[in-house]
Structure formats: C-alpha cells, structure tokens
Amino acid sequence: MHPLVKLVKESIETYIKEKKVIDPPKNLLPEMVEKAGVFVCIKKHGHLRGCIGTYNPCCDNVALETIRNAICAATRDPRFNIVTENELKDLEYSVDILSPPQKVTDLTELNPKKYGIIIVSGNKGGILLPDLEGVNTIEEQINIVKMKAFIAPEEDFEIYKFEAKRYK
C-alpha cells in the first residue's frame, strides 16, 4: 500500500473511531511536501462510497490536504451517508494528486484517459477526474461535468484540464 493511501486509511479510521484528526507523518515523502490539489475516493465492494477533493489546494502540503480530504470523503460527500466503523474493513482507497489546471482553448487538447476537466459557467462549476471507467469520449466527459454543475446546454462555459497521479 502506497504511503499516501496508508495516510488516507489511517485518517479515516482514526476519525471514524475516535473523532480525532491525525498529524501528518514526521518524514514526508517528496510527493507529500508539495502544495497541490488532492482527491480522495473511497470504494466499497467496487462501488463508489465517497469522493471529495480540491483542485485549488487549501493546505500547506499534500499530506495535510490528503488528511483533510480523506475525512471529508468519509463524512461530507452529500451523495452518501457518513462511513460507519462497521464498514471500515470493506473499504478501498485511492488518492489523486492534481497538476495545476490549464485553460483549454480547443477540444482537441482533451483526452478523457489522460486529463480530468473542470468546467466553469458564472458561479457554477464541476470537476471530473481522468481515466474513469465508462467515460471514453470528450463529449461524455463534458456532459457529465455540465450535469454535475447544473450548467444548461445553452450556457457559455470555460474548460480547464489537469493531469492526476493516482495512488491505490
């Protein structure tokens, strides 16, 4: 298990069992020191159980961002109930470290297997990670994000792309 995934597991288990937020490891790996957006996804028996993240980092480093988003994925994803202690043994985790978003000027710059996207229209916005099962085309990717963000077909929008390094 990669140390980032281990950090997610420890963060969630400690918070669910003891209501405590853990401290980051004393000796941070190089990928934990930088400041970056982080997404934490939880799966139970192969099905999504929670996923929360940030594309603009809120914390001083990836380790702190990971701890924060792990707890939020387990307790604040509005699509799911809070993770219970009984579920912990059945959970699998992944962590995505995001590159800074870049504005897209032409759809040919996109590839749903390589890039995640952020779509913004006024004060509405949505995000989709790259390389997700069942998302094979740019059009599918854009439509999913627009639906998530409640952006109507006739509304103007901007697209940003990012890469993600996934740890499982």
N, C-alpha and C. Protein backbone atom coordinates (compact mmCIF):
# COMPACT_ATOMS: atom_id res chain seq x y z
N MET A 1 0.86 -1.18 0.00
CA MET A 1 0.00 0.00 0.00
C MET A 1 0.90 1.24 0.00
N HIS A 2 0.64 2.15 -0.94
CA HIS A 2 1.43 3.38 -1.03
C HIS A 2 1.23 4.22 0.25
N PRO A 3 2.27 4.90 0.70
CA PRO A 3 2.14 5.72 1.92
C PRO A 3 1.00 6.74 1.89
N LEU A 4 0.68 7.30 0.72
CA LEU A 4 -0.46 8.24 0.65
C LEU A 4 -1.78 7.51 0.92
N VAL A 5 -1.93 6.31 0.39
CA VAL A 5 -3.14 5.52 0.62
C VAL A 5 -3.20 5.09 2.08
N LYS A 6 -2.05 4.74 2.63
CA LYS A 6 -1.98 4.39 4.06
C LYS A 6 -2.40 5.59 4.92
N LEU A 7 -1.98 6.80 4.51
CA LEU A 7 -2.36 8.02 5.22
C LEU A 7 -3.87 8.23 5.18
N VAL A 8 -4.49 7.97 4.03
CA VAL A 8 -5.95 8.07 3.90
C VAL A 8 -6.63 7.08 4.85
N LYS A 9 -6.20 5.85 4.80
CA LYS A 9 -6.79 4.79 5.65
C LYS A 9 -6.69 5.16 7.12
N GLU A 10 -5.51 5.56 7.55
CA GLU A 10 -5.30 5.94 8.95
C GLU A 10 -6.13 7.17 9.33
N SER A 11 -6.21 8.15 8.43
CA SER A 11 -7.01 9.37 8.69
C SER A 11 -8.47 9.03 8.90
N ILE A 12 -9.02 8.22 7.99
CA ILE A 12 -10.44 7.87 8.07
C ILE A 12 -10.72 7.00 9.29
N GLU A 13 -9.91 5.97 9.50
CA GLU A 13 -10.17 5.06 10.62
C GLU A 13 -10.06 5.78 11.96
N THR A 14 -9.07 6.63 12.12
CA THR A 14 -8.91 7.36 13.37
C THR A 14 -10.07 8.33 13.58
N TYR A 15 -10.48 9.01 12.51
CA TYR A 15 -11.58 9.96 12.65
C TYR A 15 -12.91 9.25 12.96
N ILE A 16 -13.18 8.18 12.25
CA ILE A 16 -14.45 7.47 12.47
C ILE A 16 -14.50 6.84 13.86
N LYS A 17 -13.39 6.25 14.30
CA LYS A 17 -13.38 5.56 15.60
C LYS A 17 -13.21 6.50 16.78
N GLU A 18 -12.38 7.56 16.63
CA GLU A 18 -12.02 8.39 17.78
C GLU A 18 -12.40 9.87 17.63
N LYS A 19 -12.90 10.27 16.46
CA LYS A 19 -13.23 11.67 16.18
C LYS A 19 -12.00 12.57 16.32
N LYS A 20 -10.82 12.03 15.96
CA LYS A 20 -9.58 12.79 16.04
C LYS A 20 -8.99 12.91 14.64
N VAL A 21 -8.36 14.07 14.38
CA VAL A 21 -7.64 14.30 13.14
C VAL A 21 -6.17 13.99 13.40
N ILE A 22 -5.61 13.08 12.61
CA ILE A 22 -4.21 12.69 12.82
C ILE A 22 -3.26 13.79 12.33
N ASP A 23 -2.03 13.71 12.82
CA ASP A 23 -0.96 14.58 12.33
C ASP A 23 -0.33 13.92 11.11
N PRO A 24 0.24 14.73 10.22
CA PRO A 24 0.93 14.12 9.08
C PRO A 24 2.19 13.38 9.55
N PRO A 25 2.71 12.48 8.73
CA PRO A 25 3.94 11.78 9.11
C PRO A 25 5.08 12.78 9.35
N LYS A 26 6.01 12.41 10.21
CA LYS A 26 7.15 13.29 10.52
C LYS A 26 8.06 13.49 9.31
N ASN A 27 8.37 12.39 8.63
CA ASN A 27 9.23 12.45 7.44
C ASN A 27 8.37 12.31 6.19
N LEU A 28 8.09 13.43 5.55
CA LEU A 28 7.21 13.42 4.39
C LEU A 28 7.96 12.96 3.14
N LEU A 29 7.30 12.12 2.36
CA LEU A 29 7.82 11.72 1.06
C LEU A 29 7.82 12.93 0.14
N PRO A 30 8.65 12.94 -0.91
CA PRO A 30 8.67 14.10 -1.83
C PRO A 30 7.29 14.48 -2.36
N GLU A 31 6.44 13.50 -2.70
CA GLU A 31 5.12 13.83 -3.24
C GLU A 31 4.16 14.38 -2.18
N MET A 32 4.54 14.31 -0.90
CA MET A 32 3.69 14.84 0.16
C MET A 32 4.06 16.26 0.56
N VAL A 33 5.22 16.73 0.14
CA VAL A 33 5.74 18.03 0.56
C VAL A 33 5.15 19.17 -0.26
N GLU A 34 4.94 18.92 -1.54
CA GLU A 34 4.46 19.97 -2.44
C GLU A 34 3.04 20.41 -2.06
N LYS A 35 2.62 21.51 -2.65
CA LYS A 35 1.26 22.02 -2.46
C LYS A 35 0.50 21.72 -3.76
N ALA A 36 -0.60 20.96 -3.66
CA ALA A 36 -1.35 20.56 -4.85
C ALA A 36 -2.77 20.19 -4.46
N GLY A 37 -3.64 20.20 -5.46
CA GLY A 37 -4.99 19.69 -5.26
C GLY A 37 -4.94 18.18 -5.07
N VAL A 38 -5.85 17.68 -4.25
CA VAL A 38 -5.89 16.25 -3.93
C VAL A 38 -7.34 15.78 -3.92
N PHE A 39 -7.59 14.64 -4.55
CA PHE A 39 -8.89 13.98 -4.45
C PHE A 39 -8.71 12.65 -3.76
N VAL A 40 -9.61 12.34 -2.83
CA VAL A 40 -9.63 11.06 -2.15
C VAL A 40 -10.94 10.37 -2.50
N CYS A 41 -10.83 9.15 -3.01
CA CYS A 41 -12.02 8.36 -3.35
C CYS A 41 -12.05 7.10 -2.50
N ILE A 42 -13.24 6.76 -2.06
CA ILE A 42 -13.47 5.58 -1.24
C ILE A 42 -14.40 4.66 -2.04
N LYS A 43 -14.04 3.38 -2.09
CA LYS A 43 -14.91 2.40 -2.72
C LYS A 43 -15.21 1.28 -1.72
N LYS A 44 -16.41 0.74 -1.86
CA LYS A 44 -16.83 -0.40 -1.03
C LYS A 44 -17.35 -1.46 -1.99
N HIS A 45 -16.72 -2.61 -1.99
CA HIS A 45 -17.08 -3.71 -2.90
C HIS A 45 -17.12 -3.24 -4.35
N GLY A 46 -16.17 -2.38 -4.72
CA GLY A 46 -16.05 -1.91 -6.10
C GLY A 46 -16.95 -0.75 -6.47
N HIS A 47 -17.80 -0.30 -5.56
CA HIS A 47 -18.72 0.81 -5.83
C HIS A 47 -18.29 2.05 -5.06
N LEU A 48 -18.46 3.21 -5.70
CA LEU A 48 -18.10 4.47 -5.06
C LEU A 48 -18.84 4.62 -3.73
N ARG A 49 -18.10 5.04 -2.69
CA ARG A 49 -18.67 5.21 -1.36
C ARG A 49 -18.43 6.64 -0.84
N GLY A 50 -17.60 7.38 -1.57
CA GLY A 50 -17.32 8.77 -1.20
C GLY A 50 -16.15 9.27 -2.02
N CYS A 51 -16.21 10.54 -2.40
CA CYS A 51 -15.11 11.13 -3.15
C CYS A 51 -15.19 12.64 -2.98
N ILE A 52 -14.14 13.19 -2.39
CA ILE A 52 -14.08 14.64 -2.15
C ILE A 52 -12.65 15.08 -2.47
N GLY A 53 -12.55 16.28 -3.02
CA GLY A 53 -11.22 16.78 -3.30
C GLY A 53 -11.20 18.27 -3.56
N THR A 54 -9.99 18.74 -3.83
CA THR A 54 -9.75 20.14 -4.10
C THR A 54 -8.83 20.24 -5.31
N TYR A 55 -9.14 21.14 -6.23
CA TYR A 55 -8.20 21.36 -7.33
C TYR A 55 -7.35 22.59 -7.05
N ASN A 56 -7.83 23.47 -6.20
CA ASN A 56 -7.01 24.56 -5.67
C ASN A 56 -6.69 24.17 -4.24
N PRO A 57 -5.43 23.93 -3.93
CA PRO A 57 -5.11 23.43 -2.59
C PRO A 57 -5.49 24.42 -1.49
N CYS A 58 -5.95 23.86 -0.36
CA CYS A 58 -6.34 24.65 0.81
C CYS A 58 -5.31 24.57 1.92
N CYS A 59 -4.46 23.56 1.86
CA CYS A 59 -3.50 23.29 2.94
C CYS A 59 -2.07 23.54 2.46
N ASP A 60 -1.14 23.51 3.39
CA ASP A 60 0.26 23.83 3.09
C ASP A 60 0.99 22.76 2.29
N ASN A 61 0.49 21.52 2.32
CA ASN A 61 1.16 20.45 1.57
C ASN A 61 0.19 19.31 1.27
N VAL A 62 0.63 18.40 0.44
CA VAL A 62 -0.21 17.27 0.01
C VAL A 62 -0.60 16.38 1.19
N ALA A 63 0.29 16.20 2.15
CA ALA A 63 -0.05 15.36 3.30
C ALA A 63 -1.25 15.93 4.06
N LEU A 64 -1.21 17.22 4.37
CA LEU A 64 -2.34 17.85 5.08
C LEU A 64 -3.60 17.86 4.22
N GLU A 65 -3.44 18.12 2.94
CA GLU A 65 -4.58 18.13 2.00
C GLU A 65 -5.23 16.74 1.94
N THR A 66 -4.40 15.72 1.96
CA THR A 66 -4.88 14.33 1.92
C THR A 66 -5.66 13.98 3.17
N ILE A 67 -5.14 14.33 4.33
CA ILE A 67 -5.84 14.06 5.59
C ILE A 67 -7.20 14.76 5.60
N ARG A 68 -7.21 16.02 5.23
CA ARG A 68 -8.45 16.81 5.21
C ARG A 68 -9.48 16.19 4.26
N ASN A 69 -9.05 15.87 3.03
CA ASN A 69 -9.99 15.38 2.04
C ASN A 69 -10.42 13.94 2.31
N ALA A 70 -9.56 13.16 2.98
CA ALA A 70 -9.95 11.80 3.36
C ALA A 70 -11.11 11.84 4.34
N ILE A 71 -10.99 12.68 5.35
CA ILE A 71 -12.07 12.80 6.36
C ILE A 71 -13.34 13.32 5.70
N CYS A 72 -13.21 14.30 4.82
CA CYS A 72 -14.39 14.84 4.12
C CYS A 72 -15.04 13.78 3.22
N ALA A 73 -14.23 12.98 2.53
CA ALA A 73 -14.79 11.93 1.67
C ALA A 73 -15.59 10.92 2.48
N ALA A 74 -15.16 10.67 3.70
CA ALA A 74 -15.84 9.70 4.56
C ALA A 74 -17.05 10.28 5.29
N THR A 75 -17.07 11.61 5.45
CA THR A 75 -18.11 12.20 6.30
C THR A 75 -18.94 13.30 5.66
N ARG A 76 -18.50 13.84 4.51
CA ARG A 76 -19.20 15.02 3.97
C ARG A 76 -19.63 14.91 2.51
N ASP A 77 -19.44 13.77 1.88
CA ASP A 77 -19.91 13.64 0.50
C ASP A 77 -21.43 13.61 0.55
N PRO A 78 -22.10 14.61 -0.04
CA PRO A 78 -23.56 14.70 0.09
C PRO A 78 -24.32 13.55 -0.58
N ARG A 79 -23.64 12.77 -1.39
CA ARG A 79 -24.30 11.64 -2.07
C ARG A 79 -24.43 10.41 -1.18
N PHE A 80 -23.71 10.40 -0.05
CA PHE A 80 -23.63 9.20 0.78
C PHE A 80 -23.78 9.53 2.25
N ASN A 81 -24.20 8.52 3.02
CA ASN A 81 -24.19 8.65 4.48
C ASN A 81 -22.75 8.62 4.97
N ILE A 82 -22.55 9.06 6.18
CA ILE A 82 -21.22 9.03 6.80
C ILE A 82 -20.77 7.58 6.92
N VAL A 83 -19.50 7.33 6.64
CA VAL A 83 -18.93 6.00 6.78
C VAL A 83 -19.04 5.58 8.25
N THR A 84 -19.41 4.31 8.46
CA THR A 84 -19.52 3.79 9.82
C THR A 84 -18.32 2.90 10.15
N GLU A 85 -18.11 2.69 11.43
CA GLU A 85 -16.99 1.85 11.87
C GLU A 85 -17.12 0.43 11.31
N ASN A 86 -18.33 -0.09 11.21
CA ASN A 86 -18.55 -1.45 10.68
C ASN A 86 -18.12 -1.59 9.22
N GLU A 87 -18.10 -0.49 8.47
CA GLU A 87 -17.73 -0.53 7.05
C GLU A 87 -16.23 -0.51 6.81
N LEU A 88 -15.46 -0.06 7.77
CA LEU A 88 -14.04 0.22 7.55
C LEU A 88 -13.28 -0.95 6.93
N LYS A 89 -13.59 -2.16 7.36
CA LYS A 89 -12.86 -3.34 6.85
C LYS A 89 -13.14 -3.60 5.37
N ASP A 90 -14.22 -3.05 4.82
CA ASP A 90 -14.61 -3.30 3.43
C ASP A 90 -14.21 -2.18 2.47
N LEU A 91 -13.51 -1.18 2.95
CA LEU A 91 -13.23 0.00 2.12
C LEU A 91 -11.87 -0.09 1.43
N GLU A 92 -11.84 0.46 0.21
CA GLU A 92 -10.61 0.61 -0.56
C GLU A 92 -10.48 2.09 -0.89
N TYR A 93 -9.24 2.55 -0.98
CA TYR A 93 -8.99 3.98 -1.14
C TYR A 93 -8.09 4.26 -2.34
N SER A 94 -8.29 5.45 -2.93
CA SER A 94 -7.34 5.96 -3.92
C SER A 94 -7.15 7.45 -3.68
N VAL A 95 -5.97 7.93 -4.07
CA VAL A 95 -5.61 9.33 -3.91
C VAL A 95 -5.13 9.84 -5.26
N ASP A 96 -5.67 10.96 -5.70
CA ASP A 96 -5.23 11.60 -6.94
C ASP A 96 -4.58 12.93 -6.58
N ILE A 97 -3.33 13.12 -7.01
CA ILE A 97 -2.64 14.39 -6.84
C ILE A 97 -2.75 15.12 -8.18
N LEU A 98 -3.32 16.32 -8.17
CA LEU A 98 -3.63 17.05 -9.39
C LEU A 98 -2.55 18.05 -9.78
N SER A 99 -2.33 18.16 -11.08
CA SER A 99 -1.47 19.23 -11.60
C SER A 99 -2.30 20.52 -11.60
N PRO A 100 -1.66 21.68 -11.67
CA PRO A 100 -2.42 22.93 -11.74
C PRO A 100 -3.30 22.94 -13.00
N PRO A 101 -4.54 23.42 -12.90
CA PRO A 101 -5.44 23.48 -14.07
C PRO A 101 -4.91 24.43 -15.14
N GLN A 102 -5.14 24.04 -16.41
CA GLN A 102 -4.77 24.88 -17.55
C GLN A 102 -6.01 25.11 -18.40
N LYS A 103 -6.20 26.36 -18.83
CA LYS A 103 -7.35 26.69 -19.65
C LYS A 103 -7.25 25.98 -21.01
N VAL A 104 -8.39 25.45 -21.46
CA VAL A 104 -8.47 24.75 -22.74
C VAL A 104 -9.03 25.70 -23.78
N THR A 105 -8.36 25.83 -24.91
CA THR A 105 -8.84 26.71 -25.97
C THR A 105 -9.40 25.92 -27.15
N ASP A 106 -9.11 24.63 -27.19
CA ASP A 106 -9.59 23.78 -28.28
C ASP A 106 -9.83 22.38 -27.74
N LEU A 107 -10.97 21.78 -28.05
CA LEU A 107 -11.32 20.46 -27.52
C LEU A 107 -10.31 19.38 -27.92
N THR A 108 -9.53 19.61 -28.98
CA THR A 108 -8.53 18.62 -29.36
C THR A 108 -7.42 18.50 -28.32
N GLU A 109 -7.36 19.45 -27.37
CA GLU A 109 -6.38 19.38 -26.29
C GLU A 109 -6.77 18.35 -25.23
N LEU A 110 -8.01 17.86 -25.29
CA LEU A 110 -8.53 16.98 -24.25
C LEU A 110 -8.38 15.50 -24.62
N ASN A 111 -8.32 14.69 -23.59
CA ASN A 111 -8.30 13.24 -23.71
C ASN A 111 -8.78 12.70 -22.36
N PRO A 112 -9.97 12.09 -22.30
CA PRO A 112 -10.54 11.69 -21.01
C PRO A 112 -9.72 10.64 -20.26
N LYS A 113 -8.83 9.95 -20.95
CA LYS A 113 -7.97 8.97 -20.27
C LYS A 113 -6.77 9.65 -19.62
N LYS A 114 -6.34 10.78 -20.18
CA LYS A 114 -5.16 11.48 -19.68
C LYS A 114 -5.48 12.68 -18.80
N TYR A 115 -6.54 13.43 -19.17
CA TYR A 115 -6.86 14.68 -18.46
C TYR A 115 -8.22 14.63 -17.78
N GLY A 116 -8.26 15.18 -16.57
CA GLY A 116 -9.52 15.50 -15.94
C GLY A 116 -9.91 16.88 -16.40
N ILE A 117 -11.17 17.24 -16.19
CA ILE A 117 -11.61 18.57 -16.60
C ILE A 117 -12.39 19.28 -15.49
N ILE A 118 -12.30 20.59 -15.55
CA ILE A 118 -13.09 21.48 -14.71
C ILE A 118 -13.87 22.36 -15.67
N ILE A 119 -15.17 22.48 -15.44
CA ILE A 119 -15.99 23.36 -16.26
C ILE A 119 -16.59 24.42 -15.36
N VAL A 120 -16.49 25.66 -15.81
CA VAL A 120 -16.98 26.80 -15.03
C VAL A 120 -17.91 27.63 -15.91
N SER A 121 -19.07 27.99 -15.34
CA SER A 121 -20.03 28.88 -16.00
C SER A 121 -20.57 29.82 -14.94
N GLY A 122 -20.12 31.07 -14.96
CA GLY A 122 -20.54 32.01 -13.92
C GLY A 122 -20.06 31.51 -12.57
N ASN A 123 -21.01 31.38 -11.63
CA ASN A 123 -20.64 30.89 -10.30
C ASN A 123 -20.85 29.39 -10.15
N LYS A 124 -21.13 28.69 -11.25
CA LYS A 124 -21.31 27.23 -11.22
C LYS A 124 -20.06 26.56 -11.77
N GLY A 125 -19.77 25.39 -11.23
CA GLY A 125 -18.61 24.66 -11.72
C GLY A 125 -18.65 23.21 -11.30
N GLY A 126 -17.95 22.38 -12.05
CA GLY A 126 -17.87 20.96 -11.74
C GLY A 126 -16.54 20.41 -12.20
N ILE A 127 -16.20 19.24 -11.70
CA ILE A 127 -14.92 18.60 -11.99
C ILE A 127 -15.11 17.11 -12.19
N LEU A 128 -14.27 16.53 -13.03
CA LEU A 128 -14.27 15.08 -13.23
C LEU A 128 -12.82 14.64 -13.38
N LEU A 129 -12.45 13.63 -12.60
CA LEU A 129 -11.09 13.10 -12.66
C LEU A 129 -10.86 12.39 -13.99
N PRO A 130 -9.61 12.22 -14.39
CA PRO A 130 -9.31 11.50 -15.63
C PRO A 130 -9.38 9.98 -15.44
N ASP A 131 -9.44 9.29 -16.55
CA ASP A 131 -9.32 7.84 -16.59
C ASP A 131 -10.33 7.13 -15.69
N LEU A 132 -11.60 7.53 -15.83
CA LEU A 132 -12.68 6.89 -15.07
C LEU A 132 -13.36 5.84 -15.93
N GLU A 133 -13.68 4.72 -15.31
CA GLU A 133 -14.37 3.64 -16.01
C GLU A 133 -15.69 4.15 -16.58
N GLY A 134 -15.94 3.86 -17.86
CA GLY A 134 -17.19 4.24 -18.51
C GLY A 134 -17.18 5.62 -19.14
N VAL A 135 -16.11 6.38 -18.96
CA VAL A 135 -16.00 7.70 -19.58
C VAL A 135 -14.91 7.59 -20.65
N ASN A 136 -15.37 7.49 -21.92
CA ASN A 136 -14.44 7.19 -23.00
C ASN A 136 -14.25 8.31 -24.01
N THR A 137 -15.15 9.29 -24.02
CA THR A 137 -15.05 10.36 -25.01
C THR A 137 -15.05 11.73 -24.33
N ILE A 138 -14.53 12.70 -25.05
CA ILE A 138 -14.53 14.09 -24.57
C ILE A 138 -15.96 14.56 -24.34
N GLU A 139 -16.86 14.20 -25.25
CA GLU A 139 -18.26 14.63 -25.14
C GLU A 139 -18.90 14.07 -23.87
N GLU A 140 -18.63 12.78 -23.56
CA GLU A 140 -19.19 12.19 -22.33
C GLU A 140 -18.64 12.93 -21.11
N GLN A 141 -17.36 13.19 -21.13
CA GLN A 141 -16.72 13.88 -20.01
C GLN A 141 -17.35 15.26 -19.80
N ILE A 142 -17.49 16.02 -20.86
CA ILE A 142 -18.07 17.37 -20.76
C ILE A 142 -19.52 17.29 -20.29
N ASN A 143 -20.31 16.39 -20.85
CA ASN A 143 -21.72 16.27 -20.46
C ASN A 143 -21.88 15.89 -18.99
N ILE A 144 -21.04 14.99 -18.50
CA ILE A 144 -21.12 14.59 -17.09
C ILE A 144 -20.83 15.79 -16.18
N VAL A 145 -19.78 16.54 -16.50
CA VAL A 145 -19.42 17.68 -15.66
C VAL A 145 -20.50 18.76 -15.72
N LYS A 146 -21.04 19.02 -16.89
CA LYS A 146 -22.10 20.04 -17.00
C LYS A 146 -23.33 19.62 -16.20
N MET A 147 -23.69 18.34 -16.25
CA MET A 147 -24.83 17.86 -15.45
C MET A 147 -24.55 18.02 -13.96
N LYS A 148 -23.35 17.63 -13.52
CA LYS A 148 -22.98 17.75 -12.11
C LYS A 148 -23.06 19.20 -11.63
N ALA A 149 -22.71 20.13 -12.52
CA ALA A 149 -22.65 21.55 -12.16
C ALA A 149 -23.96 22.29 -12.45
N PHE A 150 -24.96 21.57 -12.97
CA PHE A 150 -26.24 22.20 -13.33
C PHE A 150 -26.07 23.31 -14.36
N ILE A 151 -25.19 23.06 -15.33
CA ILE A 151 -24.97 24.02 -16.42
C ILE A 151 -25.85 23.61 -17.59
N ALA A 152 -26.74 24.52 -17.99
CA ALA A 152 -27.69 24.23 -19.08
C ALA A 152 -26.97 24.17 -20.42
N PRO A 153 -27.51 23.43 -21.40
CA PRO A 153 -26.86 23.29 -22.71
C PRO A 153 -26.56 24.63 -23.39
N GLU A 154 -27.42 25.63 -23.19
CA GLU A 154 -27.24 26.91 -23.88
C GLU A 154 -26.27 27.86 -23.16
N GLU A 155 -25.85 27.52 -21.95
CA GLU A 155 -24.95 28.40 -21.19
C GLU A 155 -23.53 28.34 -21.72
N ASP A 156 -22.88 29.50 -21.71
CA ASP A 156 -21.46 29.55 -22.05
C ASP A 156 -20.65 28.99 -20.88
N PHE A 157 -19.52 28.38 -21.18
CA PHE A 157 -18.67 27.84 -20.12
C PHE A 157 -17.22 27.81 -20.57
N GLU A 158 -16.34 27.72 -19.58
CA GLU A 158 -14.91 27.57 -19.83
C GLU A 158 -14.49 26.19 -19.35
N ILE A 159 -13.48 25.62 -20.03
CA ILE A 159 -12.96 24.32 -19.64
C ILE A 159 -11.49 24.47 -19.25
N TYR A 160 -11.14 23.79 -18.18
CA TYR A 160 -9.75 23.69 -17.74
C TYR A 160 -9.40 22.21 -17.66
N LYS A 161 -8.17 21.88 -17.98
CA LYS A 161 -7.73 20.49 -17.90
C LYS A 161 -6.63 20.35 -16.86
N PHE A 162 -6.48 19.14 -16.36
CA PHE A 162 -5.41 18.85 -15.41
C PHE A 162 -5.05 17.37 -15.54
N GLU A 163 -3.85 17.05 -15.12
CA GLU A 163 -3.44 15.66 -15.03
C GLU A 163 -3.50 15.24 -13.57
N ALA A 164 -3.61 13.95 -13.35
CA ALA A 164 -3.66 13.44 -11.98
C ALA A 164 -2.77 12.22 -11.87
N LYS A 165 -2.02 12.16 -10.79
CA LYS A 165 -1.25 10.96 -10.49
C LYS A 165 -2.05 10.20 -9.45
N ARG A 166 -2.44 8.97 -9.80
CA ARG A 166 -3.32 8.18 -8.93
C ARG A 166 -2.52 7.15 -8.15
N TYR A 167 -2.82 7.10 -6.87
CA TYR A 167 -2.21 6.11 -5.96
C TYR A 167 -3.33 5.23 -5.41
N LYS A 168 -3.11 3.91 -5.46
CA LYS A 168 -4.12 2.96 -4.96
C LYS A 168 -3.51 2.07 -3.89
